[in-house]
């Protein structure tokens, strides 16, 4: 089992600080990195993969700085970037063979591994088709397959479900859940359902900082009794939106049903309902209407 330790990791681009004093230690399991676009997730992933060098702080793998490990560290990694490059004229099989060669995998191992992975991502019958004919979801599945070619012990997936349809998302979550048993999996997303149920630990990022981390149960405890449902007029709904965090809205003729996350009761007729991870994420990553998160 490997240990990945980030100590005061920072990345600056001119006047912008994309990652700020990030401290965390990863071991085996599935880690869901959750944050809106621009929160610093992609930059953090690229730092961990060694694609970028930190402006400050250090990243260690098993107590050795990754900058000194070179090929040894790269051999542990499987990486799916948010926008991965591919050659449209390559077939799926040829592309994976090319990636296997770049990873210096033995030809015999690569042959069996490619067939196994094409089967796992349900593209075995498309292996002779050129990538330029693939849909966005199919290309994403090929990207996941190439990240797994070397059977990595540290798997880094940046927005891996982009372009996948609901059925493919479910299939992907099942694959990741099983992979996390024997390796470290870091999965970044801005879609809560991508990590709901499968992440052992959830990390919430905002403005380059680690805002909060914990298990799903622990994070849900932060909003216990904070989720409300009420039906109000259109005019009241607009006013409530300006003062509270509204996680869902449904129209009922002239009225609107609101789902609100708040420490205090938003309207006299509001009733408490069970919260979700999405409610918790919205609440813990925002300060709105004068409400402050005392627990953070």
C-alpha atoms as a PDB file:
ATOM      1  CA  UNK A   1       0.000   0.000   0.000  1.00  0.00           C
ATOM      2  CA  UNK A   2       1.367   3.392  -1.005  1.00  0.00           C
ATOM      3  CA  UNK A   3       1.073   6.685   0.814  1.00  0.00           C
ATOM      4  CA  UNK A   4       0.845  10.008  -1.006  1.00  0.00           C
ATOM      5  CA  UNK A   5       1.459  13.031   1.201  1.00  0.00           C
ATOM      6  CA  UNK A   6       0.928  16.665   0.191  1.00  0.00           C
ATOM      7  CA  UNK A   7       2.522  19.279   2.450  1.00  0.00           C
ATOM      8  CA  UNK A   8       1.651  22.968   1.960  1.00  0.00           C
ATOM      9  CA  UNK A   9       1.332  22.401  -1.792  1.00  0.00           C
ATOM     10  CA  UNK A  10       0.822  25.615  -3.710  1.00  0.00           C
ATOM     11  CA  UNK A  11       0.592  26.593  -7.376  1.00  0.00           C
ATOM     12  CA  UNK A  12       0.609  30.176  -8.639  1.00  0.00           C
ATOM     13  CA  UNK A  13       0.028  31.510 -12.131  1.00  0.00           C
ATOM     14  CA  UNK A  14       1.112  35.162 -12.183  1.00  0.00           C
ATOM     15  CA  UNK A  15      -1.527  36.833 -10.007  1.00  0.00           C
ATOM     16  CA  UNK A  16      -3.717  33.749  -9.592  1.00  0.00           C
ATOM     17  CA  UNK A  17      -3.216  31.169  -6.858  1.00  0.00           C
ATOM     18  CA  UNK A  18      -4.773  28.003  -8.273  1.00  0.00           C
ATOM     19  CA  UNK A  19      -3.870  25.769  -5.293  1.00  0.00           C
ATOM     20  CA  UNK A  20      -3.326  27.200  -1.809  1.00  0.00           C
ATOM     21  CA  UNK A  21      -1.385  25.457   0.965  1.00  0.00           C
ATOM     22  CA  UNK A  22      -2.958  22.064   0.320  1.00  0.00           C
ATOM     23  CA  UNK A  23      -2.251  19.466   3.006  1.00  0.00           C
ATOM     24  CA  UNK A  24      -3.507  15.900   2.831  1.00  0.00           C
ATOM     25  CA  UNK A  25      -2.372  12.270   2.980  1.00  0.00           C
ATOM     26  CA  UNK A  26      -3.868   9.650   0.640  1.00  0.00           C
ATOM     27  CA  UNK A  27      -3.675   5.875   1.087  1.00  0.00           C
ATOM     28  CA  UNK A  28      -5.704   3.060  -0.497  1.00  0.00           C
ATOM     29  CA  UNK A  29      -9.359   3.701  -1.277  1.00  0.00           C
ATOM     30  CA  UNK A  30     -11.513   5.959  -3.434  1.00  0.00           C
ATOM     31  CA  UNK A  31     -11.200   9.705  -2.860  1.00  0.00           C
ATOM     32  CA  UNK A  32     -13.785  12.015  -4.409  1.00  0.00           C
ATOM     33  CA  UNK A  33     -12.457  15.526  -5.051  1.00  0.00           C
ATOM     34  CA  UNK A  34     -15.504  17.738  -5.344  1.00  0.00           C
ATOM     35  CA  UNK A  35     -15.601  21.370  -6.406  1.00  0.00           C
ATOM     36  CA  UNK A  36     -17.074  23.738  -8.942  1.00  0.00           C
ATOM     37  CA  UNK A  37     -15.227  24.514 -12.186  1.00  0.00           C
ATOM     38  CA  UNK A  38     -12.227  26.699 -11.350  1.00  0.00           C
ATOM     39  CA  UNK A  39     -11.871  25.369  -7.791  1.00  0.00           C
ATOM     40  CA  UNK A  40      -8.350  24.084  -8.527  1.00  0.00           C
ATOM     41  CA  UNK A  41      -9.104  20.376  -8.954  1.00  0.00           C
ATOM     42  CA  UNK A  42      -7.394  19.936 -12.324  1.00  0.00           C
ATOM     43  CA  UNK A  43      -4.301  21.854 -11.209  1.00  0.00           C
ATOM     44  CA  UNK A  44      -4.062  19.680  -8.085  1.00  0.00           C
ATOM     45  CA  UNK A  45      -4.392  16.503 -10.158  1.00  0.00           C
ATOM     46  CA  UNK A  46      -1.626  17.652 -12.525  1.00  0.00           C
ATOM     47  CA  UNK A  47       0.619  18.461  -9.579  1.00  0.00           C
ATOM     48  CA  UNK A  48       0.076  14.994  -8.115  1.00  0.00           C
ATOM     49  CA  UNK A  49       0.862  13.397 -11.485  1.00  0.00           C
ATOM     50  CA  UNK A  50       4.058  15.440 -11.834  1.00  0.00           C
ATOM     51  CA  UNK A  51       2.811  17.188 -14.983  1.00  0.00           C
ATOM     52  CA  UNK A  52       3.165  20.489 -13.101  1.00  0.00           C
ATOM     53  CA  UNK A  53       5.706  21.476 -10.484  1.00  0.00           C
ATOM     54  CA  UNK A  54       4.418  23.157  -7.319  1.00  0.00           C
ATOM     55  CA  UNK A  55       5.309  26.775  -6.649  1.00  0.00           C
ATOM     56  CA  UNK A  56       5.606  25.871  -2.993  1.00  0.00           C
ATOM     57  CA  UNK A  57       5.319  22.843  -0.734  1.00  0.00           C
ATOM     58  CA  UNK A  58       6.192  19.219  -1.448  1.00  0.00           C
ATOM     59  CA  UNK A  59       4.546  16.001  -2.635  1.00  0.00           C
ATOM     60  CA  UNK A  60       5.851  12.704  -1.255  1.00  0.00           C
ATOM     61  CA  UNK A  61       5.186   9.109  -2.264  1.00  0.00           C
ATOM     62  CA  UNK A  62       6.157   6.746   0.546  1.00  0.00           C
ATOM     63  CA  UNK A  63       8.211   9.574   2.129  1.00  0.00           C
ATOM     64  CA  UNK A  64      10.208  10.266  -1.064  1.00  0.00           C
ATOM     65  CA  UNK A  65       9.627  13.469  -3.066  1.00  0.00           C
ATOM     66  CA  UNK A  66       8.004  12.490  -6.354  1.00  0.00           C
ATOM     67  CA  UNK A  67      10.368  14.824  -8.261  1.00  0.00           C
ATOM     68  CA  UNK A  68      13.224  12.463  -7.352  1.00  0.00           C
ATOM     69  CA  UNK A  69      11.413   9.229  -8.228  1.00  0.00           C
ATOM     70  CA  UNK A  70      11.164   9.692 -12.003  1.00  0.00           C
ATOM     71  CA  UNK A  71      10.140   6.543 -13.913  1.00  0.00           C
ATOM     72  CA  UNK A  72       9.519   4.651 -10.676  1.00  0.00           C
ATOM     73  CA  UNK A  73       6.714   7.056  -9.760  1.00  0.00           C
ATOM     74  CA  UNK A  74       5.298   7.188 -13.286  1.00  0.00           C
ATOM     75  CA  UNK A  75       5.116   3.398 -13.221  1.00  0.00           C
ATOM     76  CA  UNK A  76       2.736   3.585 -10.269  1.00  0.00           C
ATOM     77  CA  UNK A  77       0.430   6.068 -11.980  1.00  0.00           C
ATOM     78  CA  UNK A  78      -2.581   5.787 -14.241  1.00  0.00           C
ATOM     79  CA  UNK A  79      -3.855   9.194 -15.388  1.00  0.00           C
ATOM     80  CA  UNK A  80      -6.927  10.302 -17.287  1.00  0.00           C
ATOM     81  CA  UNK A  81      -6.710  14.076 -17.873  1.00  0.00           C
ATOM     82  CA  UNK A  82      -9.813  16.164 -18.362  1.00  0.00           C
ATOM     83  CA  UNK A  83      -8.941  16.576 -22.055  1.00  0.00           C
ATOM     84  CA  UNK A  84      -6.813  13.661 -23.177  1.00  0.00           C
ATOM     85  CA  UNK A  85      -5.199  13.668 -26.594  1.00  0.00           C
ATOM     86  CA  UNK A  86      -5.728  10.939 -29.184  1.00  0.00           C
ATOM     87  CA  UNK A  87      -5.119  10.282 -32.876  1.00  0.00           C
ATOM     88  CA  UNK A  88      -8.423  10.125 -34.727  1.00  0.00           C
ATOM     89  CA  UNK A  89      -6.959   7.917 -37.447  1.00  0.00           C
ATOM     90  CA  UNK A  90      -5.967   5.231 -34.924  1.00  0.00           C
ATOM     91  CA  UNK A  91      -8.298   2.366 -34.196  1.00  0.00           C
ATOM     92  CA  UNK A  92      -9.160   1.785 -30.537  1.00  0.00           C
ATOM     93  CA  UNK A  93      -6.831  -1.230 -30.459  1.00  0.00           C
ATOM     94  CA  UNK A  94      -3.947   0.593 -32.132  1.00  0.00           C
ATOM     95  CA  UNK A  95      -4.311   3.578 -29.815  1.00  0.00           C
ATOM     96  CA  UNK A  96      -4.111   1.364 -26.736  1.00  0.00           C
ATOM     97  CA  UNK A  97      -1.084  -0.452 -28.189  1.00  0.00           C
ATOM     98  CA  UNK A  98       0.562   2.918 -28.763  1.00  0.00           C
ATOM     99  CA  UNK A  99      -0.159   3.995 -25.171  1.00  0.00           C
ATOM    100  CA  UNK A 100       1.127   0.635 -23.893  1.00  0.00           C
ATOM    101  CA  UNK A 101       4.395   1.228 -25.775  1.00  0.00           C
ATOM    102  CA  UNK A 102       4.723   4.691 -24.235  1.00  0.00           C
ATOM    103  CA  UNK A 103       4.308   3.077 -20.823  1.00  0.00           C
ATOM    104  CA  UNK A 104       7.015   0.524 -21.782  1.00  0.00           C
ATOM    105  CA  UNK A 105       4.712  -2.428 -21.210  1.00  0.00           C
ATOM    106  CA  UNK A 106       5.820  -5.842 -22.567  1.00  0.00           C
ATOM    107  CA  UNK A 107       4.019  -6.667 -25.828  1.00  0.00           C
ATOM    108  CA  UNK A 108       2.602  -9.974 -24.613  1.00  0.00           C
ATOM    109  CA  UNK A 109       1.223  -8.369 -21.441  1.00  0.00           C
ATOM    110  CA  UNK A 110      -0.168  -5.444 -23.434  1.00  0.00           C
ATOM    111  CA  UNK A 111      -2.051  -7.757 -25.822  1.00  0.00           C
ATOM    112  CA  UNK A 112      -3.950  -9.536 -23.062  1.00  0.00           C
ATOM    113  CA  UNK A 113      -4.450  -6.344 -21.057  1.00  0.00           C
ATOM    114  CA  UNK A 114      -5.907  -4.454 -24.039  1.00  0.00           C
ATOM    115  CA  UNK A 115      -8.470  -7.195 -24.730  1.00  0.00           C
ATOM    116  CA  UNK A 116      -9.366  -7.307 -21.042  1.00  0.00           C
ATOM    117  CA  UNK A 117      -9.849  -3.534 -20.798  1.00  0.00           C
ATOM    118  CA  UNK A 118     -11.795  -3.191 -24.056  1.00  0.00           C
ATOM    119  CA  UNK A 119     -14.126  -5.828 -22.690  1.00  0.00           C
ATOM    120  CA  UNK A 120     -14.386  -4.007 -19.333  1.00  0.00           C
ATOM    121  CA  UNK A 121     -15.382  -0.704 -20.997  1.00  0.00           C
ATOM    122  CA  UNK A 122     -17.653  -2.572 -23.437  1.00  0.00           C
ATOM    123  CA  UNK A 123     -15.807  -1.564 -26.607  1.00  0.00           C
ATOM    124  CA  UNK A 124     -14.359  -4.921 -27.639  1.00  0.00           C
ATOM    125  CA  UNK A 125     -16.581  -5.074 -30.714  1.00  0.00           C
ATOM    126  CA  UNK A 126     -15.329  -1.582 -31.708  1.00  0.00           C
ATOM    127  CA  UNK A 127     -11.598  -2.253 -31.394  1.00  0.00           C
ATOM    128  CA  UNK A 128     -11.029  -2.070 -35.188  1.00  0.00           C
ATOM    129  CA  UNK A 129     -13.004   1.180 -35.543  1.00  0.00           C
ATOM    130  CA  UNK A 130     -11.185   4.514 -35.839  1.00  0.00           C
ATOM    131  CA  UNK A 131     -11.413   6.861 -32.872  1.00  0.00           C
ATOM    132  CA  UNK A 132     -12.660   9.726 -35.073  1.00  0.00           C
ATOM    133  CA  UNK A 133     -15.904   7.776 -35.497  1.00  0.00           C
ATOM    134  CA  UNK A 134     -16.421   7.427 -31.713  1.00  0.00           C
ATOM    135  CA  UNK A 135     -18.932   9.413 -29.683  1.00  0.00           C
ATOM    136  CA  UNK A 136     -17.771  11.556 -26.765  1.00  0.00           C
ATOM    137  CA  UNK A 137     -18.814   8.873 -24.295  1.00  0.00           C
ATOM    138  CA  UNK A 138     -16.955   6.152 -26.202  1.00  0.00           C
ATOM    139  CA  UNK A 139     -13.790   8.276 -26.275  1.00  0.00           C
ATOM    140  CA  UNK A 140     -14.072   8.768 -22.518  1.00  0.00           C
ATOM    141  CA  UNK A 141     -14.251   5.007 -22.063  1.00  0.00           C
ATOM    142  CA  UNK A 142     -11.104   4.586 -24.180  1.00  0.00           C
ATOM    143  CA  UNK A 143      -9.469   7.200 -21.965  1.00  0.00           C
ATOM    144  CA  UNK A 144     -10.371   5.212 -18.863  1.00  0.00           C
ATOM    145  CA  UNK A 145      -8.970   2.054 -20.502  1.00  0.00           C
ATOM    146  CA  UNK A 146      -5.618   3.706 -21.300  1.00  0.00           C
ATOM    147  CA  UNK A 147      -5.339   4.941 -17.702  1.00  0.00           C
ATOM    148  CA  UNK A 148      -5.664   1.331 -16.511  1.00  0.00           C
ATOM    149  CA  UNK A 149      -3.212  -0.236 -18.994  1.00  0.00           C
ATOM    150  CA  UNK A 150      -0.335  -0.608 -16.533  1.00  0.00           C
ATOM    151  CA  UNK A 151      -2.643  -1.795 -13.724  1.00  0.00           C
ATOM    152  CA  UNK A 152      -1.689   1.333 -11.737  1.00  0.00           C
ATOM    153  CA  UNK A 153      -1.490   1.423  -7.968  1.00  0.00           C
ATOM    154  CA  UNK A 154      -2.335   5.141  -7.997  1.00  0.00           C
ATOM    155  CA  UNK A 155      -5.166   6.041 -10.367  1.00  0.00           C
ATOM    156  CA  UNK A 156      -5.872   9.729 -11.112  1.00  0.00           C
ATOM    157  CA  UNK A 157      -9.129  10.532 -12.936  1.00  0.00           C
ATOM    158  CA  UNK A 158      -9.952  14.145 -13.802  1.00  0.00           C
ATOM    159  CA  UNK A 159     -13.665  14.617 -14.623  1.00  0.00           C
ATOM    160  CA  UNK A 160     -13.806  11.008 -15.910  1.00  0.00           C
ATOM    161  CA  UNK A 161     -17.552  10.891 -16.587  1.00  0.00           C
ATOM    162  CA  UNK A 162     -17.660  13.905 -18.912  1.00  0.00           C
ATOM    163  CA  UNK A 163     -19.635  12.834 -21.969  1.00  0.00           C
ATOM    164  CA  UNK A 164     -20.985   9.618 -20.456  1.00  0.00           C
ATOM    165  CA  UNK A 165     -24.702   8.897 -20.540  1.00  0.00           C
ATOM    166  CA  UNK A 166     -26.537   7.820 -17.344  1.00  0.00           C
ATOM    167  CA  UNK A 167     -26.070   4.102 -18.062  1.00  0.00           C
ATOM    168  CA  UNK A 168     -22.346   4.591 -18.667  1.00  0.00           C
ATOM    169  CA  UNK A 169     -22.022   6.617 -15.451  1.00  0.00           C
ATOM    170  CA  UNK A 170     -23.469   3.733 -13.449  1.00  0.00           C
ATOM    171  CA  UNK A 171     -21.121   1.258 -15.162  1.00  0.00           C
ATOM    172  CA  UNK A 172     -18.170   3.546 -14.487  1.00  0.00           C
ATOM    173  CA  UNK A 173     -19.029   3.918 -10.793  1.00  0.00           C
ATOM    174  CA  UNK A 174     -19.201   0.150 -10.403  1.00  0.00           C
ATOM    175  CA  UNK A 175     -15.754  -0.264 -12.011  1.00  0.00           C
ATOM    176  CA  UNK A 176     -14.185   2.429  -9.800  1.00  0.00           C
ATOM    177  CA  UNK A 177     -15.729   1.011  -6.647  1.00  0.00           C
ATOM    178  CA  UNK A 178     -14.043  -2.345  -7.267  1.00  0.00           C
ATOM    179  CA  UNK A 179     -10.706  -0.744  -8.225  1.00  0.00           C
ATOM    180  CA  UNK A 180     -10.484   1.149  -4.928  1.00  0.00           C
ATOM    181  CA  UNK A 181     -10.180  -2.025  -2.872  1.00  0.00           C
ATOM    182  CA  UNK A 182      -6.504  -2.572  -3.688  1.00  0.00           C
ATOM    183  CA  UNK A 183      -5.241   0.810  -4.856  1.00  0.00           C
ATOM    184  CA  UNK A 184      -5.497   4.558  -4.429  1.00  0.00           C
ATOM    185  CA  UNK A 185      -8.090   6.226  -6.662  1.00  0.00           C
ATOM    186  CA  UNK A 186      -8.422  10.009  -6.881  1.00  0.00           C
ATOM    187  CA  UNK A 187     -11.468  11.148  -8.819  1.00  0.00           C
ATOM    188  CA  UNK A 188     -12.242  14.817  -9.407  1.00  0.00           C
ATOM    189  CA  UNK A 189     -15.674  16.053 -10.434  1.00  0.00           C
ATOM    190  CA  UNK A 190     -18.208  18.844 -10.035  1.00  0.00           C
ATOM    191  CA  UNK A 191     -21.054  16.315 -10.235  1.00  0.00           C
ATOM    192  CA  UNK A 192     -22.016  14.999  -6.810  1.00  0.00           C
ATOM    193  CA  UNK A 193     -23.604  11.783  -8.115  1.00  0.00           C
ATOM    194  CA  UNK A 194     -20.226  10.709  -9.578  1.00  0.00           C
ATOM    195  CA  UNK A 195     -18.866  10.055  -6.081  1.00  0.00           C
ATOM    196  CA  UNK A 196     -22.045   9.493  -4.070  1.00  0.00           C
ATOM    197  CA  UNK A 197     -21.865   5.994  -2.556  1.00  0.00           C
ATOM    198  CA  UNK A 198     -18.442   5.019  -4.006  1.00  0.00           C
ATOM    199  CA  UNK A 199     -16.014   7.476  -2.361  1.00  0.00           C
ATOM    200  CA  UNK A 200     -14.460   6.375   0.922  1.00  0.00           C
ATOM    201  CA  UNK A 201     -13.452   9.988   1.604  1.00  0.00           C
ATOM    202  CA  UNK A 202     -14.787  13.170   0.053  1.00  0.00           C
ATOM    203  CA  UNK A 203     -12.666  16.321  -0.295  1.00  0.00           C
ATOM    204  CA  UNK A 204     -14.414  19.604  -1.064  1.00  0.00           C
ATOM    205  CA  UNK A 205     -12.302  22.289  -2.752  1.00  0.00           C
ATOM    206  CA  UNK A 206     -13.059  25.962  -3.162  1.00  0.00           C
ATOM    207  CA  UNK A 207     -10.808  28.702  -4.533  1.00  0.00           C
ATOM    208  CA  UNK A 208      -7.809  26.387  -4.487  1.00  0.00           C
ATOM    209  CA  UNK A 209      -8.229  25.404  -0.855  1.00  0.00           C
ATOM    210  CA  UNK A 210      -9.311  22.222   0.889  1.00  0.00           C
ATOM    211  CA  UNK A 211     -12.538  23.415   2.464  1.00  0.00           C
ATOM    212  CA  UNK A 212     -13.602  20.188   4.125  1.00  0.00           C
ATOM    213  CA  UNK A 213     -12.939  16.439   4.007  1.00  0.00           C
ATOM    214  CA  UNK A 214     -14.590  13.415   5.524  1.00  0.00           C
ATOM    215  CA  UNK A 215     -16.771  10.399   4.899  1.00  0.00           C
ATOM    216  CA  UNK A 216     -20.179  10.860   3.302  1.00  0.00           C
ATOM    217  CA  UNK A 217     -21.777  10.162   6.699  1.00  0.00           C
ATOM    218  CA  UNK A 218     -19.544  12.681   8.443  1.00  0.00           C
ATOM    219  CA  UNK A 219     -20.251  15.389   5.888  1.00  0.00           C
ATOM    220  CA  UNK A 220     -23.984  14.700   6.049  1.00  0.00           C
ATOM    221  CA  UNK A 221     -23.844  15.227   9.814  1.00  0.00           C
ATOM    222  CA  UNK A 222     -22.818  18.842   9.114  1.00  0.00           C
ATOM    223  CA  UNK A 223     -26.283  19.570   7.720  1.00  0.00           C
ATOM    224  CA  UNK A 224     -28.393  17.444  10.045  1.00  0.00           C
ATOM    225  CA  UNK A 225     -31.787  19.193  10.440  1.00  0.00           C
ATOM    226  CA  UNK A 226     -30.691  21.953   8.003  1.00  0.00           C
ATOM    227  CA  UNK A 227     -32.728  20.821   4.966  1.00  0.00           C
ATOM    228  CA  UNK A 228     -36.248  22.196   4.486  1.00  0.00           C
ATOM    229  CA  UNK A 229     -39.092  21.909   2.011  1.00  0.00           C
ATOM    230  CA  UNK A 230     -41.816  24.487   1.505  1.00  0.00           C
ATOM    231  CA  UNK A 231     -44.345  25.660  -1.099  1.00  0.00           C
ATOM    232  CA  UNK A 232     -44.469  29.415  -1.714  1.00  0.00           C
ATOM    233  CA  UNK A 233     -45.608  31.910  -4.333  1.00  0.00           C
ATOM    234  CA  UNK A 234     -43.374  32.947  -7.222  1.00  0.00           C
ATOM    235  CA  UNK A 235     -42.684  36.290  -5.529  1.00  0.00           C
ATOM    236  CA  UNK A 236     -41.707  34.639  -2.235  1.00  0.00           C
ATOM    237  CA  UNK A 237     -39.497  32.171  -4.105  1.00  0.00           C
ATOM    238  CA  UNK A 238     -37.448  34.994  -5.650  1.00  0.00           C
ATOM    239  CA  UNK A 239     -36.945  36.579  -2.244  1.00  0.00           C
ATOM    240  CA  UNK A 240     -35.949  33.274  -0.638  1.00  0.00           C
ATOM    241  CA  UNK A 241     -33.444  32.603  -3.447  1.00  0.00           C
ATOM    242  CA  UNK A 242     -31.705  35.874  -2.594  1.00  0.00           C
ATOM    243  CA  UNK A 243     -31.341  34.968   1.079  1.00  0.00           C
ATOM    244  CA  UNK A 244     -30.970  31.184   1.273  1.00  0.00           C
ATOM    245  CA  UNK A 245     -29.299  28.299  -0.492  1.00  0.00           C
ATOM    246  CA  UNK A 246     -31.963  26.672  -2.682  1.00  0.00           C
ATOM    247  CA  UNK A 247     -30.892  23.202  -3.801  1.00  0.00           C
ATOM    248  CA  UNK A 248     -33.985  22.405  -5.847  1.00  0.00           C
ATOM    249  CA  UNK A 249     -37.047  24.152  -7.250  1.00  0.00           C
ATOM    250  CA  UNK A 250     -40.213  22.713  -8.762  1.00  0.00           C
ATOM    251  CA  UNK A 251     -43.133  24.676 -10.224  1.00  0.00           C
ATOM    252  CA  UNK A 252     -46.702  23.868  -9.195  1.00  0.00           C
ATOM    253  CA  UNK A 253     -48.870  26.207 -11.242  1.00  0.00           C
ATOM    254  CA  UNK A 254     -48.645  29.609  -9.579  1.00  0.00           C
ATOM    255  CA  UNK A 255     -46.659  28.223  -6.649  1.00  0.00           C
ATOM    256  CA  UNK A 256     -43.156  26.848  -6.286  1.00  0.00           C
ATOM    257  CA  UNK A 257     -41.839  23.990  -4.136  1.00  0.00           C
ATOM    258  CA  UNK A 258     -38.414  24.842  -2.766  1.00  0.00           C
ATOM    259  CA  UNK A 259     -35.756  22.685  -1.178  1.00  0.00           C
ATOM    260  CA  UNK A 260     -33.668  24.914   1.089  1.00  0.00           C
ATOM    261  CA  UNK A 261     -30.502  24.292   3.092  1.00  0.00           C
ATOM    262  CA  UNK A 262     -30.358  26.568   6.131  1.00  0.00           C
ATOM    263  CA  UNK A 263     -29.551  26.486   9.825  1.00  0.00           C
ATOM    264  CA  UNK A 264     -32.756  28.402  10.541  1.00  0.00           C
ATOM    265  CA  UNK A 265     -36.288  27.728   9.346  1.00  0.00           C
ATOM    266  CA  UNK A 266     -36.750  29.729   6.108  1.00  0.00           C
ATOM    267  CA  UNK A 267     -40.555  30.098   6.296  1.00  0.00           C
ATOM    268  CA  UNK A 268     -43.049  29.388   9.056  1.00  0.00           C
ATOM    269  CA  UNK A 269     -44.592  26.532   7.044  1.00  0.00           C
ATOM    270  CA  UNK A 270     -41.300  24.853   6.057  1.00  0.00           C
ATOM    271  CA  UNK A 271     -40.799  21.256   7.130  1.00  0.00           C
ATOM    272  CA  UNK A 272     -37.569  19.382   7.793  1.00  0.00           C
ATOM    273  CA  UNK A 273     -36.649  16.695   5.239  1.00  0.00           C
ATOM    274  CA  UNK A 274     -33.756  14.265   4.900  1.00  0.00           C
ATOM    275  CA  UNK A 275     -30.650  15.800   3.356  1.00  0.00           C
ATOM    276  CA  UNK A 276     -28.512  14.537   0.475  1.00  0.00           C
ATOM    277  CA  UNK A 277     -24.814  14.832  -0.305  1.00  0.00           C
ATOM    278  CA  UNK A 278     -25.700  17.444  -2.927  1.00  0.00           C
ATOM    279  CA  UNK A 279     -27.462  19.527  -0.264  1.00  0.00           C
ATOM    280  CA  UNK A 280     -24.379  19.260   1.947  1.00  0.00           C
ATOM    281  CA  UNK A 281     -22.018  20.195  -0.880  1.00  0.00           C
ATOM    282  CA  UNK A 282     -24.044  23.261  -1.842  1.00  0.00           C
ATOM    283  CA  UNK A 283     -24.285  24.407   1.755  1.00  0.00           C
ATOM    284  CA  UNK A 284     -20.697  23.759   2.784  1.00  0.00           C
ATOM    285  CA  UNK A 285     -19.221  25.345  -0.333  1.00  0.00           C
ATOM    286  CA  UNK A 286     -21.289  28.532  -0.113  1.00  0.00           C
ATOM    287  CA  UNK A 287     -21.954  31.355   2.295  1.00  0.00           C
ATOM    288  CA  UNK A 288     -25.129  33.099   1.299  1.00  0.00           C
ATOM    289  CA  UNK A 289     -27.621  35.556   2.702  1.00  0.00           C
ATOM    290  CA  UNK A 290     -25.490  36.351   5.740  1.00  0.00           C
ATOM    291  CA  UNK A 291     -25.423  32.734   6.917  1.00  0.00           C
ATOM    292  CA  UNK A 292     -22.018  31.539   8.096  1.00  0.00           C
ATOM    293  CA  UNK A 293     -20.926  27.931   8.513  1.00  0.00           C
ATOM    294  CA  UNK A 294     -19.985  27.715  12.172  1.00  0.00           C
ATOM    295  CA  UNK A 295     -18.734  24.146  11.930  1.00  0.00           C
ATOM    296  CA  UNK A 296     -15.967  24.890   9.421  1.00  0.00           C
END
